Amino acid sequence: MTDPAFKLISVEEYLRSERDHPVRHEYVDGFVYAQAGASRAHNVITSNIHVALHGPARKAGCQVFQSDMKVRVTPPAAITRTLWWRAAAGRTTTTPKRNRA
C-alpha cells in the first residue's frame, strides 16, 4: 500500500521538515501545503495591507508580519477581523463602540 497523498503531521514534524526545505509551506490543522512564489501585484497588495495595519497594531501592543515568519495564531479569524477593523476605522480600541439609544 502506498502512502496517502495527504498525511496529518504534528507541528514539530512540520517545523523540523521546514528547516532545510527550499520550498515554503503553510501548516493548517495538521496538513502541509506548498506556497507558490508571489507576483508583483501580490507584493503591492500585501505591502499596502502591512502599512495600514502597522500603526494600529503597534499602538495596541501587537506586531504585524508581512511574510517569512512562522507564527501560531488562534483563532485566526477573530484576530484578523479585529486588526482589520481597527486599521479600517483608524482606531486602536479592542472593541467597537456601539450606538446607544
C-alpha atoms as a PDB file:
ATOM      1  CA  MET A   1       0.000   0.000   0.000  1.00  0.00           C
ATOM      2  CA  THR A   2       1.284   3.488  -0.833  1.00  0.00           C
ATOM      3  CA  ASP A   3       1.371   6.498   1.480  1.00  0.00           C
ATOM      4  CA  PRO A   4      -1.730   8.706   1.367  1.00  0.00           C
ATOM      5  CA  ALA A   5      -1.450  11.892  -0.697  1.00  0.00           C
ATOM      6  CA  PHE A   6      -2.382  13.974   2.346  1.00  0.00           C
ATOM      7  CA  LYS A   7      -0.877  12.912   5.639  1.00  0.00           C
ATOM      8  CA  LEU A   8      -1.526  14.512   9.021  1.00  0.00           C
ATOM      9  CA  ILE A   9       1.678  15.597  10.739  1.00  0.00           C
ATOM     10  CA  SER A  10       2.477  17.273  14.037  1.00  0.00           C
ATOM     11  CA  VAL A  11       3.656  20.861  14.414  1.00  0.00           C
ATOM     12  CA  GLU A  12       7.063  19.517  15.478  1.00  0.00           C
ATOM     13  CA  GLU A  13       7.351  17.388  12.311  1.00  0.00           C
ATOM     14  CA  TYR A  14       6.374  20.377  10.191  1.00  0.00           C
ATOM     15  CA  LEU A  15       8.946  22.688  11.770  1.00  0.00           C
ATOM     16  CA  ARG A  16      11.664  20.042  11.516  1.00  0.00           C
ATOM     17  CA  SER A  17      10.960  19.435   7.810  1.00  0.00           C
ATOM     18  CA  GLU A  18      10.853  23.173   7.011  1.00  0.00           C
ATOM     19  CA  ARG A  19      14.354  23.932   8.316  1.00  0.00           C
ATOM     20  CA  ASP A  20      16.204  22.916   5.169  1.00  0.00           C
ATOM     21  CA  HIS A  21      13.412  22.698   2.597  1.00  0.00           C
ATOM     22  CA  PRO A  22      13.819  25.060  -0.399  1.00  0.00           C
ATOM     23  CA  VAL A  23      10.032  25.469  -0.832  1.00  0.00           C
ATOM     24  CA  ARG A  24       7.992  27.292   1.821  1.00  0.00           C
ATOM     25  CA  HIS A  25       4.936  25.568   3.212  1.00  0.00           C
ATOM     26  CA  GLU A  26       1.897  26.504   5.262  1.00  0.00           C
ATOM     27  CA  TYR A  27       0.722  24.269   8.117  1.00  0.00           C
ATOM     28  CA  VAL A  28      -3.057  24.184   8.680  1.00  0.00           C
ATOM     29  CA  ASP A  29      -4.768  21.750  11.052  1.00  0.00           C
ATOM     30  CA  GLY A  30      -2.141  19.040  10.585  1.00  0.00           C
ATOM     31  CA  PHE A  31      -1.806  19.348   6.804  1.00  0.00           C
ATOM     32  CA  VAL A  32       1.065  20.961   4.885  1.00  0.00           C
ATOM     33  CA  TYR A  33       0.546  22.993   1.707  1.00  0.00           C
ATOM     34  CA  ALA A  34       3.296  24.273  -0.592  1.00  0.00           C
ATOM     35  CA  GLN A  35       3.243  28.020  -1.190  1.00  0.00           C
ATOM     36  CA  ALA A  36       3.814  29.464  -4.619  1.00  0.00           C
ATOM     37  CA  GLY A  37       6.101  32.406  -5.291  1.00  0.00           C
ATOM     38  CA  ALA A  38       4.419  35.813  -5.115  1.00  0.00           C
ATOM     39  CA  SER A  39       3.612  38.065  -8.063  1.00  0.00           C
ATOM     40  CA  ARG A  40       4.255  41.813  -8.244  1.00  0.00           C
ATOM     41  CA  ALA A  41       0.547  42.509  -7.689  1.00  0.00           C
ATOM     42  CA  HIS A  42       0.534  40.262  -4.620  1.00  0.00           C
ATOM     43  CA  ASN A  43       3.506  42.134  -3.152  1.00  0.00           C
ATOM     44  CA  VAL A  44       1.882  45.532  -3.765  1.00  0.00           C
ATOM     45  CA  ILE A  45      -1.326  44.378  -2.040  1.00  0.00           C
ATOM     46  CA  THR A  46       0.460  42.839   0.950  1.00  0.00           C
ATOM     47  CA  SER A  47       2.628  45.942   1.330  1.00  0.00           C
ATOM     48  CA  ASN A  48      -0.449  48.168   1.411  1.00  0.00           C
ATOM     49  CA  ILE A  49      -2.142  45.942   3.998  1.00  0.00           C
ATOM     50  CA  HIS A  50       1.018  45.866   6.109  1.00  0.00           C
ATOM     51  CA  VAL A  51       1.300  49.657   6.076  1.00  0.00           C
ATOM     52  CA  ALA A  52      -2.400  50.043   7.004  1.00  0.00           C
ATOM     53  CA  LEU A  53      -2.169  47.583   9.915  1.00  0.00           C
ATOM     54  CA  HIS A  54       1.251  48.527  11.281  1.00  0.00           C
ATOM     55  CA  GLY A  55       0.340  51.726  13.162  1.00  0.00           C
ATOM     56  CA  PRO A  56      -2.885  50.498  14.807  1.00  0.00           C
ATOM     57  CA  ALA A  57      -1.303  47.165  15.722  1.00  0.00           C
ATOM     58  CA  ARG A  58       1.726  48.838  17.293  1.00  0.00           C
ATOM     59  CA  LYS A  59      -0.484  51.175  19.338  1.00  0.00           C
ATOM     60  CA  ALA A  60      -2.380  48.097  20.586  1.00  0.00           C
ATOM     61  CA  GLY A  61       0.873  46.361  21.587  1.00  0.00           C
ATOM     62  CA  CYS A  62       0.770  43.938  18.659  1.00  0.00           C
ATOM     63  CA  GLN A  63       3.099  43.233  15.750  1.00  0.00           C
ATOM     64  CA  VAL A  64       2.348  42.800  12.058  1.00  0.00           C
ATOM     65  CA  PHE A  65       4.464  40.455   9.952  1.00  0.00           C
ATOM     66  CA  GLN A  66       4.359  40.739   6.189  1.00  0.00           C
ATOM     67  CA  SER A  67       5.966  37.426   5.284  1.00  0.00           C
ATOM     68  CA  ASP A  68       8.566  34.788   6.082  1.00  0.00           C
ATOM     69  CA  MET A  69       7.563  34.409   9.712  1.00  0.00           C
ATOM     70  CA  LYS A  70       6.292  31.264  11.319  1.00  0.00           C
ATOM     71  CA  VAL A  71       3.571  32.275  13.757  1.00  0.00           C
ATOM     72  CA  ARG A  72       0.868  30.389  15.607  1.00  0.00           C
ATOM     73  CA  VAL A  73      -2.479  32.183  15.520  1.00  0.00           C
ATOM     74  CA  THR A  74      -5.521  31.037  17.485  1.00  0.00           C
ATOM     75  CA  PRO A  75      -8.260  31.641  16.399  1.00  0.00           C
ATOM     76  CA  PRO A  76      -7.157  33.212  13.104  1.00  0.00           C
ATOM     77  CA  ALA A  77     -10.492  34.698  12.026  1.00  0.00           C
ATOM     78  CA  ALA A  78     -11.014  36.634  15.276  1.00  0.00           C
ATOM     79  CA  ILE A  79      -7.566  38.201  15.238  1.00  0.00           C
ATOM     80  CA  THR A  80      -7.743  39.050  11.548  1.00  0.00           C
ATOM     81  CA  ARG A  81     -11.164  40.673  11.918  1.00  0.00           C
ATOM     82  CA  THR A  82     -10.092  42.669  14.966  1.00  0.00           C
ATOM     83  CA  LEU A  83      -6.915  44.042  13.387  1.00  0.00           C
ATOM     84  CA  TRP A  84      -8.625  44.755  10.067  1.00  0.00           C
ATOM     85  CA  TRP A  85     -11.471  46.568  11.822  1.00  0.00           C
ATOM     86  CA  ARG A  86      -9.037  48.649  13.855  1.00  0.00           C
ATOM     87  CA  ALA A  87      -6.998  49.606  10.793  1.00  0.00           C
ATOM     88  CA  ALA A  88     -10.066  50.383   8.678  1.00  0.00           C
ATOM     89  CA  ALA A  89     -11.549  52.524  11.441  1.00  0.00           C
ATOM     90  CA  GLY A  90      -8.223  54.159  12.265  1.00  0.00           C
ATOM     91  CA  ARG A  91      -8.724  53.179  15.901  1.00  0.00           C
ATOM     92  CA  THR A  92      -6.796  51.190  18.441  1.00  0.00           C
ATOM     93  CA  THR A  93      -9.556  50.150  20.841  1.00  0.00           C
ATOM     94  CA  THR A  94     -10.144  46.443  21.263  1.00  0.00           C
ATOM     95  CA  THR A  95     -13.950  46.559  20.924  1.00  0.00           C
ATOM     96  CA  PRO A  96     -16.122  48.639  18.622  1.00  0.00           C
ATOM     97  CA  LYS A  97     -18.278  51.377  20.168  1.00  0.00           C
ATOM     98  CA  ARG A  98     -21.947  50.533  19.997  1.00  0.00           C
ATOM     99  CA  ASN A  99     -24.666  53.078  19.301  1.00  0.00           C
ATOM    100  CA  ARG A 100     -26.751  53.623  22.390  1.00  0.00           C
ATOM    101  CA  ALA A 101     -30.358  54.704  22.065  1.00  0.00           C
END
